[in-house]
Protein backbone atom coordinates (compact mmCIF):
# COMPACT_ATOMS: atom_id res chain seq x y z
CA MET A 1 21.37 -52.50 16.37
CA ALA A 2 17.85 -51.99 15.38
CA LEU A 3 16.53 -50.88 18.77
CA ASP A 4 19.34 -47.99 18.51
CA GLN A 5 17.93 -47.14 15.27
CA GLU A 6 14.50 -46.83 16.46
CA PHE A 7 15.51 -44.95 19.30
CA ASP A 8 17.59 -42.35 17.15
CA ILE A 9 14.24 -42.10 15.13
CA GLU A 10 12.01 -41.23 17.71
CA GLU A 11 14.62 -38.90 19.08
CA LEU A 12 14.70 -37.11 16.04
CA GLN A 13 11.07 -36.80 15.59
CA ARG A 14 10.84 -35.26 19.05
CA LYS A 15 13.29 -32.87 18.71
CA MET A 16 11.68 -31.87 15.25
CA HIS A 17 8.47 -31.22 17.16
CA GLU A 18 9.94 -29.24 20.09
CA GLU A 19 9.36 -25.39 20.14
CA PRO A 20 12.50 -23.70 19.29
CA GLU A 21 14.68 -22.10 21.96
CA GLU A 22 13.49 -18.71 23.27
CA MET A 23 15.99 -16.23 21.72
CA SER A 24 17.48 -13.42 24.42
CA PHE A 25 16.83 -9.94 23.92
CA LEU A 26 20.19 -9.41 22.07
CA ASP A 27 19.37 -12.26 19.86
CA HIS A 28 16.05 -10.45 18.76
CA ILE A 29 17.98 -7.25 18.03
CA GLU A 30 20.65 -9.10 15.94
CA GLU A 31 17.94 -10.80 14.05
CA LEU A 32 15.84 -7.46 13.62
CA ARG A 33 19.19 -5.93 12.14
CA TRP A 34 19.53 -8.24 9.62
CA ASN A 35 15.86 -8.05 8.52
CA ILE A 36 16.58 -4.38 8.03
CA ILE A 37 19.84 -4.98 6.20
CA ARG A 38 18.24 -7.29 3.79
CA SER A 39 15.10 -5.10 3.40
CA ILE A 40 17.52 -2.07 2.38
CA ILE A 41 19.49 -4.09 0.04
CA ALA A 42 16.09 -5.20 -1.85
CA ILE A 43 15.31 -1.54 -1.78
CA LEU A 44 18.48 -0.47 -3.22
CA VAL A 45 18.34 -3.15 -5.96
CA PHE A 46 15.12 -2.00 -6.82
CA THR A 47 15.97 1.57 -6.80
CA THR A 48 18.79 1.06 -8.98
CA LEU A 49 16.66 -0.76 -11.45
CA ALA A 50 14.28 2.05 -11.53
CA PHE A 51 16.98 4.64 -11.95
CA ILE A 52 18.46 2.99 -15.04
CA PHE A 53 15.25 2.30 -16.64
CA LYS A 54 14.05 6.11 -16.30
CA GLY A 55 12.11 5.94 -19.65
CA ILE A 56 9.56 3.33 -18.16
CA LEU A 57 9.53 5.12 -14.70
CA PHE A 58 8.66 8.56 -15.98
CA ASP A 59 7.23 8.51 -19.50
CA GLN A 60 5.17 5.48 -19.12
CA ILE A 61 4.06 5.54 -15.58
CA LEU A 62 4.58 8.80 -13.76
CA PHE A 63 3.44 11.11 -16.56
CA GLY A 64 0.79 8.59 -17.75
CA PRO A 65 -1.94 10.43 -15.96
CA LYS A 66 -0.96 13.81 -18.04
CA ARG A 67 -1.47 12.13 -21.38
CA THR A 68 -5.12 12.12 -22.90
CA ASP A 69 -5.02 8.36 -23.87
CA PHE A 70 -4.48 7.23 -20.27
CA TRP A 71 -6.68 4.47 -19.65
CA THR A 72 -8.87 6.03 -17.12
CA TYR A 73 -9.57 9.03 -19.53
CA ARG A 74 -10.18 6.73 -22.43
CA ALA A 75 -12.91 4.71 -19.96
CA LEU A 76 -14.34 7.90 -19.27
CA CYS A 77 -14.72 9.03 -22.67
CA ASP A 78 -16.34 5.91 -23.64
CA LEU A 79 -18.47 6.08 -20.70
CA GLY A 80 -19.80 9.74 -22.09
CA HIS A 81 -20.26 8.16 -25.44
CA TRP A 82 -22.59 5.46 -23.88
CA ILE A 83 -24.62 7.76 -21.75
CA TYR A 84 -24.74 11.11 -23.60
CA SER A 85 -23.60 10.11 -27.26
CA ASP A 86 -20.95 12.82 -27.37
CA ASP A 87 -17.49 14.06 -25.91
CA ARG A 88 -18.52 15.81 -23.07
CA LEU A 89 -16.84 13.56 -20.60
CA CYS A 90 -13.48 13.11 -22.89
CA ILE A 91 -10.37 14.73 -21.89
CA THR A 92 -8.91 16.39 -24.88
CA GLU A 93 -6.22 18.59 -23.38
CA PHE A 94 -4.57 19.60 -20.04
CA GLY A 95 -4.72 23.38 -18.99
CA PHE A 96 -0.96 23.18 -17.52
CA LYS A 97 2.30 22.31 -18.46
CA ILE A 98 5.14 20.68 -16.43
CA THR A 99 8.54 22.93 -15.97
CA ASN A 100 11.65 22.54 -13.87
CA ILE A 101 12.97 25.81 -12.23
CA SER A 102 15.86 24.15 -10.30
CA MET A 103 19.40 23.50 -11.87
CA SER A 104 19.43 20.05 -10.03
CA GLY A 105 15.38 19.65 -10.23
CA GLN A 106 15.20 16.88 -12.53
CA PHE A 107 18.23 14.82 -11.28
CA THR A 108 16.75 15.12 -7.52
CA SER A 109 13.61 14.24 -8.95
CA HIS A 110 15.16 11.33 -10.74
CA ILE A 111 16.86 10.00 -7.26
CA PHE A 112 13.88 10.43 -5.32
CA LEU A 113 11.36 8.82 -7.47
CA SER A 114 13.47 5.90 -8.29
CA LEU A 115 13.80 5.65 -4.24
CA ILE A 116 9.98 5.64 -4.14
CA ALA A 117 9.64 2.95 -6.98
CA GLY A 118 12.40 0.77 -5.03
CA ILE A 119 10.02 0.85 -2.04
CA ILE A 120 7.00 -0.07 -3.78
CA LEU A 121 8.73 -2.95 -5.82
CA ALA A 122 10.48 -4.31 -2.71
CA PHE A 123 7.18 -3.89 -0.69
CA PRO A 124 6.33 -7.70 -0.77
CA TYR A 125 9.78 -8.83 0.15
CA ILE A 126 9.65 -6.27 3.06
CA LEU A 127 6.47 -7.38 4.09
CA TRP A 128 7.86 -10.94 4.35
CA GLU A 129 10.76 -9.89 6.26
CA VAL A 130 8.45 -8.44 8.52
CA TRP A 131 6.69 -11.52 8.80
CA ARG A 132 9.76 -13.67 9.11
CA PHE A 133 10.70 -11.67 12.15
CA ILE A 134 7.40 -12.03 13.80
CA LYS A 135 6.75 -15.62 12.92
CA PRO A 136 9.12 -17.40 15.67
CA ALA A 137 7.03 -15.72 18.19
CA LEU A 138 3.69 -17.53 17.24
CA HIS A 139 2.37 -20.72 18.27
CA ALA A 140 2.00 -23.76 15.57
CA LYS A 141 -1.58 -22.93 15.23
CA GLU A 142 -1.03 -19.19 14.96
CA LYS A 143 1.49 -19.94 12.32
CA GLN A 144 -1.14 -22.02 10.32
CA LYS A 145 -3.96 -19.84 10.55
CA THR A 146 -1.63 -16.76 9.20
CA ARG A 147 0.29 -18.59 6.51
CA GLY A 148 -1.23 -16.34 3.77
CA VAL A 149 -0.46 -12.87 5.54
CA VAL A 150 2.19 -12.02 2.99
CA PHE A 151 0.04 -12.83 0.02
CA PHE A 152 -3.04 -10.96 1.54
CA GLY A 153 -0.95 -7.94 2.36
CA THR A 154 0.88 -7.93 -0.93
CA LEU A 155 -2.49 -8.03 -2.65
CA LEU A 156 -4.09 -5.15 -0.57
CA PHE A 157 -1.19 -3.01 -1.31
CA ILE A 158 -1.35 -3.79 -5.20
CA LEU A 159 -5.05 -3.02 -5.20
CA GLY A 160 -4.55 0.27 -2.95
CA LEU A 161 -1.63 1.34 -5.50
CA LEU A 162 -3.99 0.51 -8.57
CA PHE A 163 -6.80 2.41 -7.06
CA GLY A 164 -4.67 5.71 -6.48
CA TYR A 165 -2.91 5.55 -9.81
CA TYR A 166 -5.72 4.76 -12.21
CA PHE A 167 -8.59 6.70 -10.14
CA LEU A 168 -7.21 9.21 -7.53
CA SER A 169 -4.28 10.43 -9.57
CA PRO A 170 -6.01 11.26 -13.00
CA ILE A 171 -8.86 12.74 -11.53
CA SER A 172 -6.72 15.00 -9.14
CA VAL A 173 -4.55 16.04 -11.99
CA ASN A 174 -6.91 16.88 -14.28
CA PHE A 175 -8.89 18.93 -11.59
CA MET A 176 -6.06 20.72 -9.80
CA GLY A 177 -3.97 21.22 -13.11
CA SER A 178 -6.92 22.88 -14.94
CA TYR A 179 -8.26 24.82 -12.11
CA GLN A 180 -7.95 28.62 -12.71
CA VAL A 181 -9.11 31.56 -10.70
CA SER A 182 -8.82 33.71 -13.61
CA SER A 183 -8.09 33.26 -17.33
CA GLU A 184 -5.04 35.69 -16.80
CA VAL A 185 -3.13 33.20 -14.82
CA GLU A 186 -1.70 30.31 -16.71
CA ASN A 187 -0.90 27.03 -14.89
CA TYR A 188 2.99 26.01 -15.10
CA ILE A 189 3.36 23.18 -12.64
CA ASN A 190 6.74 22.61 -11.13
CA LEU A 191 8.23 19.07 -11.87
CA ASP A 192 8.87 18.13 -8.35
CA SER A 193 4.98 19.22 -7.47
CA TYR A 194 3.70 16.98 -10.25
CA LEU A 195 5.62 13.88 -9.42
CA SER A 196 5.62 13.98 -5.66
CA PHE A 197 1.70 14.72 -6.03
CA VAL A 198 1.22 11.31 -8.18
CA ALA A 199 3.54 9.46 -6.05
CA SER A 200 2.26 10.35 -2.83
CA LEU A 201 -1.46 9.65 -4.02
CA SER A 202 -0.57 6.17 -5.60
CA PHE A 203 1.84 5.17 -2.49
CA GLY A 204 -0.26 6.55 0.17
CA SER A 205 -3.50 4.72 -1.06
CA GLY A 206 -1.48 1.32 -1.11
CA LEU A 207 -0.47 1.95 2.36
CA LEU A 208 -4.12 2.79 3.72
CA PHE A 209 -5.36 -0.43 1.84
CA GLU A 210 -3.42 -2.18 4.49
CA LEU A 211 -6.03 -1.22 7.01
CA PRO A 212 -7.58 -5.16 7.22
CA LEU A 213 -4.14 -6.46 7.77
CA VAL A 214 -3.36 -4.01 10.54
CA ILE A 215 -6.87 -4.86 12.22
CA TYR A 216 -6.25 -8.52 11.95
CA PHE A 217 -3.06 -8.30 13.87
CA LEU A 218 -4.67 -5.78 16.56
CA ALA A 219 -7.59 -8.04 17.15
CA LYS A 220 -5.21 -10.99 17.51
CA VAL A 221 -3.29 -9.31 20.44
CA GLY A 222 -6.53 -8.14 21.93
CA ILE A 223 -5.87 -4.33 21.40
CA ILE A 224 -9.04 -3.92 19.67
CA SER A 225 -12.47 -5.92 19.13
CA SER A 226 -15.24 -5.97 16.74
CA ASP A 227 -17.73 -4.46 19.56
CA PHE A 228 -15.11 -1.47 19.96
CA MET A 229 -14.91 -0.49 16.27
CA LYS A 230 -18.79 -1.02 16.22
CA THR A 231 -19.32 1.50 18.81
CA TYR A 232 -16.84 3.92 17.46
CA ARG A 233 -17.71 3.49 13.94
CA SER A 234 -18.84 7.17 13.50
CA TYR A 235 -15.56 8.67 15.09
CA ALA A 236 -13.56 6.08 12.69
CA PHE A 237 -15.60 7.76 9.51
CA LEU A 238 -14.34 11.00 10.56
CA ILE A 239 -10.75 9.95 11.21
CA ILE A 240 -10.91 8.12 7.75
CA LEU A 241 -12.26 11.60 6.28
CA VAL A 242 -9.38 13.61 7.90
CA ILE A 243 -6.88 11.14 6.44
CA SER A 244 -8.21 11.13 3.12
CA ALA A 245 -8.27 15.14 3.10
CA ILE A 246 -4.65 14.90 3.98
CA VAL A 247 -3.57 12.11 1.42
CA THR A 248 -5.70 13.45 -1.23
CA PRO A 249 -5.65 17.08 -3.04
CA PRO A 250 -8.24 19.65 -1.64
CA ASP A 251 -11.21 18.48 -3.78
CA VAL A 252 -13.98 17.11 -3.01
CA ALA A 253 -14.15 14.41 -5.68
CA SER A 254 -10.68 12.98 -4.87
CA GLN A 255 -11.73 12.76 -0.86
CA ILE A 256 -14.95 10.85 -1.44
CA LEU A 257 -13.12 8.44 -3.71
CA MET A 258 -10.71 7.83 -0.90
CA THR A 259 -13.11 7.90 1.91
CA GLY A 260 -15.55 5.32 0.48
CA PRO A 261 -13.06 2.30 -0.43
CA ILE A 262 -11.30 2.95 3.00
CA TYR A 263 -14.35 3.03 5.02
CA GLY A 264 -15.46 -0.11 3.14
CA LEU A 265 -12.12 -1.86 4.37
CA TYR A 266 -12.85 -0.77 7.76
CA GLU A 267 -16.33 -2.36 7.82
CA ILE A 268 -14.25 -5.68 6.45
CA GLY A 269 -11.96 -5.02 9.41
CA ILE A 270 -15.03 -5.55 11.59
CA TRP A 271 -15.80 -8.74 10.17
CA ILE A 272 -12.18 -9.86 10.27
CA ALA A 273 -11.94 -8.82 14.24
CA ARG A 274 -15.07 -11.10 14.73
CA ARG A 275 -13.59 -13.87 13.04
CA VAL A 276 -10.58 -13.70 15.22
CA GLU A 277 -12.59 -13.38 18.37
CA LYS A 278 -14.70 -16.53 17.21
CA ARG A 279 -11.63 -18.50 16.62
CA ARG A 280 -10.12 -17.53 19.92
CA ALA A 281 -13.21 -18.72 21.83
CA HIS A 282 -13.33 -21.85 20.02
CA ASP A 283 -9.48 -22.63 20.78
CA LEU A 284 -10.18 -21.84 24.52
CA LYS A 285 -12.83 -24.55 24.61
């Protein structure tokens, strides 16, 4: 009896350490389908919450960069007091007003921005679902080394989101909204234009900050290398400059603010790719 129990325990341990059976193509499709469905459900839940709490979404968050007491403007004003001892860097008023010229404009904007907010809030879960789908294809060592991918991916996204919201958005809103070719022309900004402007800057910045994570996986599968990234560093800078010009408004300050951090992430990506190559070489020994 004791021998049978010992045999059963050894058999159970052996099965636990065995690699899972390889899934068929249809099984992968079915698993991907459920990953997508769960992600969509998470987005819809957060979208509904954002739609309900529109006061927080619009008055406190999206219209924040239009208020003179916004954190960035207060910090800029304090910096002006410290350097110049006057109010030359203080934002006291904005040279534009937001208006709605469409019958369904406010309702449509409410739905669209609630959806964007839902995607942003559900992003960590979406990233986890992506990782959940990819994880079975990895070996035990690869799973161990990439354990924190969801955490770091979420952290990078949040950092990019905050950078776009607290730095790119207020500077761009103040510059573009107050710019005039003549004092004869007053700025009345359409609601949809303003909201999409702030949302795209913030959300786009969050996605661009995922660059180190993308580089990590491309280096893992051998598509890019640190030497390749070093060789084409100048081309990468031009591409980042073009992407920054597309994502940001057409003013030099915003483009520089976006280009600098993204290029810095590219340099970090070179270091990440080098680390991946060293680990691969060590594993082959």
